[in-house]
Amino acid sequence: MANTKRDLFIKRRLRVRNKLRKVNAGRARLSVHRSNKNISVQLIDDVNGVTLASASSLEKDLGIVGKNNIEAASKVGAAIAERAKKAGVSEAYFDRGGFLFHGKVKALAEAAREGGLKI
């Protein structure tokens, strides 16, 4: 039984998310999605099922439309930290999904921490 790359990714994403959910009950979740062309992040309240804040490299006001590099990830991380403060969230847990905590995902997390978000 050969697993496709997509199947393995989904399995890894669910494993990461379920482990984090057990430890961080009641906190907001900072969920990251990275594609080949863009990177986006959402701050989600799982108890109520609502998105509190979001940021993406597709937003024109960030000035990084269509870019998916470490610099773009840092700008998105800083933007989500600022928007989280406006939403009244000071701490969240970092859900990297099925992506490795390396490169763009790591840069986004570090920029959010520097922006004042405790993750």
C-alpha atoms as a PDB file:
ATOM      1  CA  MET A   1       0.000   0.000   0.000  1.00  0.00           C
ATOM      2  CA  ALA A   2       1.790   3.073  -1.263  1.00  0.00           C
ATOM      3  CA  ASN A   3       0.903   6.379   0.346  1.00  0.00           C
ATOM      4  CA  THR A   4       0.903   9.492  -1.794  1.00  0.00           C
ATOM      5  CA  LYS A   5       2.717  12.634  -0.698  1.00  0.00           C
ATOM      6  CA  ARG A   6      -0.643  14.267  -0.008  1.00  0.00           C
ATOM      7  CA  ASP A   7      -1.788  11.375   2.206  1.00  0.00           C
ATOM      8  CA  LEU A   8       1.433  11.531   4.207  1.00  0.00           C
ATOM      9  CA  PHE A   9       1.083  15.309   4.564  1.00  0.00           C
ATOM     10  CA  ILE A  10      -2.484  15.023   5.878  1.00  0.00           C
ATOM     11  CA  LYS A  11      -1.440  12.294   8.306  1.00  0.00           C
ATOM     12  CA  ARG A  12       1.427  14.457   9.606  1.00  0.00           C
ATOM     13  CA  ARG A  13      -0.835  17.526   9.888  1.00  0.00           C
ATOM     14  CA  LEU A  14      -3.442  15.658  11.916  1.00  0.00           C
ATOM     15  CA  ARG A  15      -0.786  14.124  14.171  1.00  0.00           C
ATOM     16  CA  VAL A  16       0.721  17.546  14.938  1.00  0.00           C
ATOM     17  CA  ARG A  17      -2.667  19.209  15.459  1.00  0.00           C
ATOM     18  CA  ASN A  18      -4.021  16.496  17.764  1.00  0.00           C
ATOM     19  CA  LYS A  19      -0.904  16.534  19.967  1.00  0.00           C
ATOM     20  CA  LEU A  20      -1.075  20.322  20.273  1.00  0.00           C
ATOM     21  CA  ARG A  21      -4.799  20.300  21.026  1.00  0.00           C
ATOM     22  CA  LYS A  22      -4.299  18.091  24.071  1.00  0.00           C
ATOM     23  CA  VAL A  23      -1.661  20.329  25.615  1.00  0.00           C
ATOM     24  CA  ASN A  24      -3.049  23.784  24.746  1.00  0.00           C
ATOM     25  CA  ALA A  25      -6.757  23.569  25.507  1.00  0.00           C
ATOM     26  CA  GLY A  26      -8.448  26.958  25.684  1.00  0.00           C
ATOM     27  CA  ARG A  27      -5.759  28.903  23.829  1.00  0.00           C
ATOM     28  CA  ALA A  28      -6.059  30.330  20.328  1.00  0.00           C
ATOM     29  CA  ARG A  29      -4.379  28.426  17.490  1.00  0.00           C
ATOM     30  CA  LEU A  30      -1.985  30.118  15.063  1.00  0.00           C
ATOM     31  CA  SER A  31      -2.395  27.996  11.936  1.00  0.00           C
ATOM     32  CA  VAL A  32       0.065  28.308   9.027  1.00  0.00           C
ATOM     33  CA  HIS A  33      -0.464  27.355   5.400  1.00  0.00           C
ATOM     34  CA  ARG A  34       2.356  27.529   2.892  1.00  0.00           C
ATOM     35  CA  SER A  35       1.932  27.000  -0.841  1.00  0.00           C
ATOM     36  CA  ASN A  36       4.457  27.305  -3.619  1.00  0.00           C
ATOM     37  CA  LYS A  37       3.476  30.915  -4.296  1.00  0.00           C
ATOM     38  CA  ASN A  38       2.113  32.312  -1.019  1.00  0.00           C
ATOM     39  CA  ILE A  39       2.063  31.947   2.741  1.00  0.00           C
ATOM     40  CA  SER A  40      -0.885  32.633   5.018  1.00  0.00           C
ATOM     41  CA  VAL A  41      -1.667  32.417   8.713  1.00  0.00           C
ATOM     42  CA  GLN A  42      -4.857  32.476  10.777  1.00  0.00           C
ATOM     43  CA  LEU A  43      -5.500  32.983  14.467  1.00  0.00           C
ATOM     44  CA  ILE A  44      -8.368  30.610  15.282  1.00  0.00           C
ATOM     45  CA  ASP A  45     -10.527  30.211  18.385  1.00  0.00           C
ATOM     46  CA  ASP A  46     -11.380  26.496  18.260  1.00  0.00           C
ATOM     47  CA  VAL A  47     -13.864  26.674  21.145  1.00  0.00           C
ATOM     48  CA  ASN A  48     -16.181  29.052  19.289  1.00  0.00           C
ATOM     49  CA  GLY A  49     -15.053  28.048  15.792  1.00  0.00           C
ATOM     50  CA  VAL A  50     -14.141  31.551  14.621  1.00  0.00           C
ATOM     51  CA  THR A  51     -11.137  33.150  12.994  1.00  0.00           C
ATOM     52  CA  LEU A  52      -9.944  36.047  15.145  1.00  0.00           C
ATOM     53  CA  ALA A  53      -7.316  37.436  12.765  1.00  0.00           C
ATOM     54  CA  SER A  54      -5.534  36.496   9.569  1.00  0.00           C
ATOM     55  CA  ALA A  55      -2.667  37.636   7.373  1.00  0.00           C
ATOM     56  CA  SER A  56      -1.403  36.538   3.993  1.00  0.00           C
ATOM     57  CA  SER A  57       1.233  37.358   1.414  1.00  0.00           C
ATOM     58  CA  LEU A  58      -1.674  38.017  -1.001  1.00  0.00           C
ATOM     59  CA  GLU A  59      -2.536  41.283   0.776  1.00  0.00           C
ATOM     60  CA  LYS A  60      -1.541  44.346  -1.212  1.00  0.00           C
ATOM     61  CA  ASP A  61      -0.880  46.559   1.825  1.00  0.00           C
ATOM     62  CA  LEU A  62       2.021  44.311   2.919  1.00  0.00           C
ATOM     63  CA  GLY A  63       3.755  44.894  -0.428  1.00  0.00           C
ATOM     64  CA  ILE A  64       4.752  41.274  -0.993  1.00  0.00           C
ATOM     65  CA  VAL A  65       2.037  40.015  -3.370  1.00  0.00           C
ATOM     66  CA  GLY A  66       3.065  36.815  -5.103  1.00  0.00           C
ATOM     67  CA  LYS A  67       6.241  36.336  -3.096  1.00  0.00           C
ATOM     68  CA  ASN A  68       6.939  33.326  -0.952  1.00  0.00           C
ATOM     69  CA  ASN A  69      10.327  33.787   0.633  1.00  0.00           C
ATOM     70  CA  ILE A  70      11.673  34.257   4.147  1.00  0.00           C
ATOM     71  CA  GLU A  71      11.288  38.042   3.949  1.00  0.00           C
ATOM     72  CA  ALA A  72       7.619  37.703   2.992  1.00  0.00           C
ATOM     73  CA  ALA A  73       7.050  35.207   5.804  1.00  0.00           C
ATOM     74  CA  SER A  74       8.576  37.642   8.294  1.00  0.00           C
ATOM     75  CA  LYS A  75       6.258  40.442   7.158  1.00  0.00           C
ATOM     76  CA  VAL A  76       3.230  38.153   7.447  1.00  0.00           C
ATOM     77  CA  GLY A  77       4.355  37.105  10.952  1.00  0.00           C
ATOM     78  CA  ALA A  78       4.697  40.727  12.054  1.00  0.00           C
ATOM     79  CA  ALA A  79       1.269  41.533  10.600  1.00  0.00           C
ATOM     80  CA  ILE A  80      -0.452  38.669  12.442  1.00  0.00           C
ATOM     81  CA  ALA A  81       1.165  39.711  15.726  1.00  0.00           C
ATOM     82  CA  GLU A  82      -0.167  43.248  15.294  1.00  0.00           C
ATOM     83  CA  ARG A  83      -3.655  42.016  14.376  1.00  0.00           C
ATOM     84  CA  ALA A  84      -3.681  39.588  17.303  1.00  0.00           C
ATOM     85  CA  LYS A  85      -3.030  42.483  19.684  1.00  0.00           C
ATOM     86  CA  LYS A  86      -5.984  44.362  18.174  1.00  0.00           C
ATOM     87  CA  ALA A  87      -8.149  41.260  18.645  1.00  0.00           C
ATOM     88  CA  GLY A  88      -7.091  41.054  22.293  1.00  0.00           C
ATOM     89  CA  VAL A  89      -5.031  37.867  21.995  1.00  0.00           C
ATOM     90  CA  SER A  90      -1.628  37.848  23.660  1.00  0.00           C
ATOM     91  CA  GLU A  91      -0.789  34.147  23.523  1.00  0.00           C
ATOM     92  CA  ALA A  92      -1.532  31.309  21.158  1.00  0.00           C
ATOM     93  CA  TYR A  93      -0.093  27.960  20.205  1.00  0.00           C
ATOM     94  CA  PHE A  94       1.721  27.501  16.912  1.00  0.00           C
ATOM     95  CA  ASP A  95       0.178  24.944  14.571  1.00  0.00           C
ATOM     96  CA  ARG A  96       2.676  24.319  11.812  1.00  0.00           C
ATOM     97  CA  GLY A  97       0.348  21.830  10.137  1.00  0.00           C
ATOM     98  CA  GLY A  98       2.254  19.268   8.131  1.00  0.00           C
ATOM     99  CA  PHE A  99       5.085  21.678   7.337  1.00  0.00           C
ATOM    100  CA  LEU A 100       8.533  21.405   8.881  1.00  0.00           C
ATOM    101  CA  PHE A 101       9.505  24.089  11.399  1.00  0.00           C
ATOM    102  CA  HIS A 102      12.262  25.363   9.146  1.00  0.00           C
ATOM    103  CA  GLY A 103      12.814  28.206   6.702  1.00  0.00           C
ATOM    104  CA  LYS A 104       9.656  30.211   5.950  1.00  0.00           C
ATOM    105  CA  VAL A 105       7.549  28.668   8.706  1.00  0.00           C
ATOM    106  CA  LYS A 106      10.271  29.333  11.278  1.00  0.00           C
ATOM    107  CA  ALA A 107      10.725  32.925  10.040  1.00  0.00           C
ATOM    108  CA  LEU A 108       6.985  33.541  10.393  1.00  0.00           C
ATOM    109  CA  ALA A 109       6.962  32.202  13.965  1.00  0.00           C
ATOM    110  CA  GLU A 110      10.001  34.258  14.997  1.00  0.00           C
ATOM    111  CA  ALA A 111       8.518  37.448  13.517  1.00  0.00           C
ATOM    112  CA  ALA A 112       5.254  36.836  15.398  1.00  0.00           C
ATOM    113  CA  ARG A 113       7.214  36.361  18.641  1.00  0.00           C
ATOM    114  CA  GLU A 114       9.170  39.562  18.037  1.00  0.00           C
ATOM    115  CA  GLY A 115       5.861  41.345  17.395  1.00  0.00           C
ATOM    116  CA  GLY A 116       4.744  40.486  20.928  1.00  0.00           C
ATOM    117  CA  LEU A 117       2.679  37.358  20.381  1.00  0.00           C
ATOM    118  CA  LYS A 118       3.550  34.643  22.890  1.00  0.00           C
ATOM    119  CA  ILE A 119       3.721  31.315  21.031  1.00  0.00           C
END
